[in-house]
Amino acid sequence: MDFEKKLKRLEDIVEKMESGDLSLDDSMKLFEEGVKLSRDCQGQLGVAEERVKVLLSIGADGKPVTRDFEDLKEGGEE
């Protein structure tokens, strides 16, 4: 599931829980799903943030630094 779908599902869960019409068991199940979705979204946002940092890097010569993102994930950061 992509980020936007996860976020939409998370919004749906919040709406259902705020309605107050759920049993405790149903609320707990939705809460657990929401926590997982929230963690997944945070992880995806963290990856996106790192990619933006790479894209915005400026070298000592004042020129943009370019490198493969995959290299950074493998520990090849300069």
N, C-alpha and C. Protein backbone atom coordinates (compact mmCIF):
# COMPACT_ATOMS: atom_id res chain seq x y z
N MET A 1 0.86 -1.18 0.00
CA MET A 1 0.00 0.00 0.00
C MET A 1 0.90 1.24 0.00
N ASP A 2 0.61 2.20 -0.88
CA ASP A 2 1.45 3.40 -0.94
C ASP A 2 1.11 4.37 0.19
N PHE A 3 1.93 5.39 0.33
CA PHE A 3 1.81 6.34 1.44
C PHE A 3 0.42 6.98 1.50
N GLU A 4 -0.07 7.43 0.35
CA GLU A 4 -1.36 8.14 0.33
C GLU A 4 -2.50 7.22 0.78
N LYS A 5 -2.46 5.96 0.37
CA LYS A 5 -3.50 5.01 0.78
C LYS A 5 -3.41 4.72 2.27
N LYS A 6 -2.20 4.60 2.78
CA LYS A 6 -2.03 4.38 4.22
C LYS A 6 -2.55 5.56 5.02
N LEU A 7 -2.24 6.75 4.54
CA LEU A 7 -2.70 7.95 5.25
C LEU A 7 -4.22 8.05 5.22
N LYS A 8 -4.83 7.73 4.09
CA LYS A 8 -6.30 7.76 3.97
C LYS A 8 -6.91 6.74 4.91
N ARG A 9 -6.34 5.54 4.96
CA ARG A 9 -6.85 4.51 5.86
C ARG A 9 -6.71 4.96 7.31
N LEU A 10 -5.63 5.60 7.63
CA LEU A 10 -5.42 6.11 8.98
C LEU A 10 -6.48 7.16 9.32
N GLU A 11 -6.79 8.04 8.39
CA GLU A 11 -7.84 9.04 8.59
C GLU A 11 -9.19 8.37 8.81
N ASP A 12 -9.48 7.32 8.04
CA ASP A 12 -10.74 6.59 8.20
C ASP A 12 -10.83 5.96 9.59
N ILE A 13 -9.71 5.40 10.05
CA ILE A 13 -9.68 4.78 11.38
C ILE A 13 -9.97 5.82 12.45
N VAL A 14 -9.34 6.98 12.35
CA VAL A 14 -9.56 8.04 13.34
C VAL A 14 -11.04 8.46 13.36
N GLU A 15 -11.63 8.62 12.18
CA GLU A 15 -13.05 8.99 12.11
C GLU A 15 -13.93 7.96 12.80
N LYS A 16 -13.67 6.68 12.51
CA LYS A 16 -14.47 5.61 13.12
C LYS A 16 -14.31 5.61 14.63
N MET A 17 -13.09 5.78 15.10
CA MET A 17 -12.85 5.74 16.54
C MET A 17 -13.47 6.96 17.23
N GLU A 18 -13.43 8.11 16.56
CA GLU A 18 -14.01 9.31 17.15
C GLU A 18 -15.52 9.25 17.21
N SER A 19 -16.13 8.42 16.39
CA SER A 19 -17.59 8.33 16.38
C SER A 19 -18.13 7.78 17.70
N GLY A 20 -17.33 6.96 18.38
CA GLY A 20 -17.75 6.40 19.65
C GLY A 20 -18.72 5.25 19.52
N ASP A 21 -18.94 4.76 18.32
CA ASP A 21 -19.91 3.69 18.08
C ASP A 21 -19.31 2.29 18.07
N LEU A 22 -18.03 2.18 18.36
CA LEU A 22 -17.35 0.89 18.28
C LEU A 22 -17.28 0.21 19.64
N SER A 23 -17.25 -1.10 19.60
CA SER A 23 -17.02 -1.85 20.84
C SER A 23 -15.56 -1.68 21.24
N LEU A 24 -15.25 -2.05 22.45
CA LEU A 24 -13.87 -1.97 22.93
C LEU A 24 -12.96 -2.84 22.06
N ASP A 25 -13.43 -4.04 21.74
CA ASP A 25 -12.63 -4.96 20.92
C ASP A 25 -12.36 -4.37 19.53
N ASP A 26 -13.39 -3.83 18.91
CA ASP A 26 -13.22 -3.22 17.59
C ASP A 26 -12.31 -2.00 17.67
N SER A 27 -12.45 -1.23 18.72
CA SER A 27 -11.60 -0.05 18.90
C SER A 27 -10.14 -0.45 19.04
N MET A 28 -9.89 -1.51 19.80
CA MET A 28 -8.51 -1.97 19.98
C MET A 28 -7.92 -2.48 18.67
N LYS A 29 -8.71 -3.20 17.89
CA LYS A 29 -8.22 -3.70 16.60
C LYS A 29 -7.87 -2.54 15.68
N LEU A 30 -8.74 -1.54 15.62
CA LEU A 30 -8.48 -0.38 14.78
C LEU A 30 -7.28 0.42 15.30
N PHE A 31 -7.17 0.52 16.62
CA PHE A 31 -6.05 1.23 17.21
C PHE A 31 -4.73 0.56 16.82
N GLU A 32 -4.69 -0.76 16.92
CA GLU A 32 -3.48 -1.51 16.55
C GLU A 32 -3.15 -1.30 15.07
N GLU A 33 -4.16 -1.35 14.22
CA GLU A 33 -3.93 -1.12 12.79
C GLU A 33 -3.42 0.31 12.57
N GLY A 34 -4.02 1.26 13.29
CA GLY A 34 -3.61 2.65 13.15
C GLY A 34 -2.18 2.89 13.59
N VAL A 35 -1.76 2.25 14.66
CA VAL A 35 -0.38 2.39 15.13
C VAL A 35 0.58 1.84 14.08
N LYS A 36 0.26 0.69 13.50
CA LYS A 36 1.11 0.12 12.46
C LYS A 36 1.18 1.04 11.25
N LEU A 37 0.04 1.55 10.81
CA LEU A 37 0.02 2.45 9.67
C LEU A 37 0.81 3.72 9.96
N SER A 38 0.67 4.24 11.17
CA SER A 38 1.38 5.44 11.57
C SER A 38 2.90 5.22 11.51
N ARG A 39 3.34 4.08 12.01
CA ARG A 39 4.77 3.75 11.99
C ARG A 39 5.27 3.59 10.55
N ASP A 40 4.46 2.93 9.72
CA ASP A 40 4.84 2.76 8.32
C ASP A 40 4.97 4.12 7.64
N CYS A 41 4.01 5.00 7.88
CA CYS A 41 4.05 6.34 7.27
C CYS A 41 5.26 7.12 7.76
N GLN A 42 5.55 7.04 9.05
CA GLN A 42 6.73 7.73 9.60
C GLN A 42 8.00 7.22 8.94
N GLY A 43 8.07 5.91 8.74
CA GLY A 43 9.24 5.33 8.08
C GLY A 43 9.39 5.84 6.66
N GLN A 44 8.28 5.89 5.93
CA GLN A 44 8.33 6.39 4.56
C GLN A 44 8.72 7.87 4.53
N LEU A 45 8.21 8.63 5.46
CA LEU A 45 8.58 10.05 5.53
C LEU A 45 10.06 10.22 5.86
N GLY A 46 10.59 9.36 6.71
CA GLY A 46 12.00 9.42 7.05
C GLY A 46 12.88 9.16 5.83
N VAL A 47 12.50 8.18 5.03
CA VAL A 47 13.24 7.88 3.81
C VAL A 47 13.17 9.06 2.85
N ALA A 48 11.98 9.63 2.70
CA ALA A 48 11.81 10.78 1.81
C ALA A 48 12.66 11.96 2.29
N GLU A 49 12.71 12.18 3.60
CA GLU A 49 13.51 13.27 4.16
C GLU A 49 14.99 13.08 3.83
N GLU A 50 15.48 11.86 3.97
CA GLU A 50 16.88 11.58 3.67
C GLU A 50 17.17 11.81 2.19
N ARG A 51 16.24 11.44 1.34
CA ARG A 51 16.42 11.66 -0.10
C ARG A 51 16.49 13.14 -0.42
N VAL A 52 15.64 13.94 0.24
CA VAL A 52 15.66 15.38 0.03
C VAL A 52 16.99 15.97 0.50
N LYS A 53 17.47 15.50 1.63
CA LYS A 53 18.76 15.98 2.12
C LYS A 53 19.87 15.72 1.11
N VAL A 54 19.83 14.54 0.50
CA VAL A 54 20.83 14.20 -0.50
C VAL A 54 20.70 15.14 -1.69
N LEU A 55 19.49 15.40 -2.11
CA LEU A 55 19.26 16.26 -3.26
C LEU A 55 19.68 17.70 -3.00
N LEU A 56 19.61 18.13 -1.75
CA LEU A 56 19.92 19.51 -1.41
C LEU A 56 21.36 19.71 -0.94
N SER A 57 22.16 18.65 -0.94
CA SER A 57 23.54 18.75 -0.48
C SER A 57 24.36 19.65 -1.40
N ILE A 58 25.21 20.49 -0.78
CA ILE A 58 26.11 21.37 -1.52
C ILE A 58 27.53 21.02 -1.10
N GLY A 59 28.40 20.85 -2.08
CA GLY A 59 29.79 20.50 -1.80
C GLY A 59 30.60 21.71 -1.40
N ALA A 60 31.86 21.49 -1.03
CA ALA A 60 32.76 22.56 -0.62
C ALA A 60 32.99 23.57 -1.74
N ASP A 61 32.84 23.12 -2.98
CA ASP A 61 33.02 24.01 -4.12
C ASP A 61 31.76 24.81 -4.46
N GLY A 62 30.71 24.63 -3.65
CA GLY A 62 29.47 25.37 -3.87
C GLY A 62 28.54 24.75 -4.88
N LYS A 63 28.95 23.63 -5.45
CA LYS A 63 28.13 22.94 -6.45
C LYS A 63 27.32 21.84 -5.77
N PRO A 64 26.15 21.53 -6.33
CA PRO A 64 25.35 20.44 -5.76
C PRO A 64 26.10 19.12 -5.79
N VAL A 65 25.98 18.38 -4.73
CA VAL A 65 26.60 17.07 -4.64
C VAL A 65 25.57 16.05 -5.09
N THR A 66 25.94 15.23 -6.03
CA THR A 66 25.03 14.18 -6.48
C THR A 66 25.66 12.83 -6.20
N ARG A 67 24.84 11.93 -5.72
CA ARG A 67 25.26 10.55 -5.51
C ARG A 67 24.01 9.69 -5.49
N ASP A 68 24.18 8.44 -5.74
CA ASP A 68 23.05 7.52 -5.76
C ASP A 68 22.53 7.31 -4.35
N PHE A 69 21.22 7.43 -4.20
CA PHE A 69 20.60 7.21 -2.91
C PHE A 69 20.86 5.79 -2.42
N GLU A 70 20.83 4.84 -3.32
CA GLU A 70 21.07 3.45 -2.95
C GLU A 70 22.44 3.28 -2.31
N ASP A 71 23.45 4.04 -2.77
CA ASP A 71 24.78 3.98 -2.17
C ASP A 71 24.74 4.42 -0.72
N LEU A 72 23.94 5.44 -0.43
CA LEU A 72 23.84 5.93 0.95
C LEU A 72 23.22 4.88 1.87
N LYS A 73 22.23 4.17 1.37
CA LYS A 73 21.59 3.13 2.17
C LYS A 73 22.55 2.02 2.52
N GLU A 74 23.58 1.83 1.70
CA GLU A 74 24.55 0.76 1.93
C GLU A 74 25.75 1.25 2.73
N GLY A 75 25.68 2.50 3.22
CA GLY A 75 26.77 3.02 4.04
C GLY A 75 27.85 3.72 3.28
N GLY A 76 27.60 4.07 2.02
CA GLY A 76 28.61 4.73 1.20
C GLY A 76 28.53 6.24 1.24
N GLU A 77 28.03 6.81 2.33
CA GLU A 77 27.88 8.26 2.43
C GLU A 77 29.23 8.94 2.46
N GLU A 78 29.34 10.07 1.75
CA GLU A 78 30.60 10.80 1.71
C GLU A 78 30.76 11.68 2.93
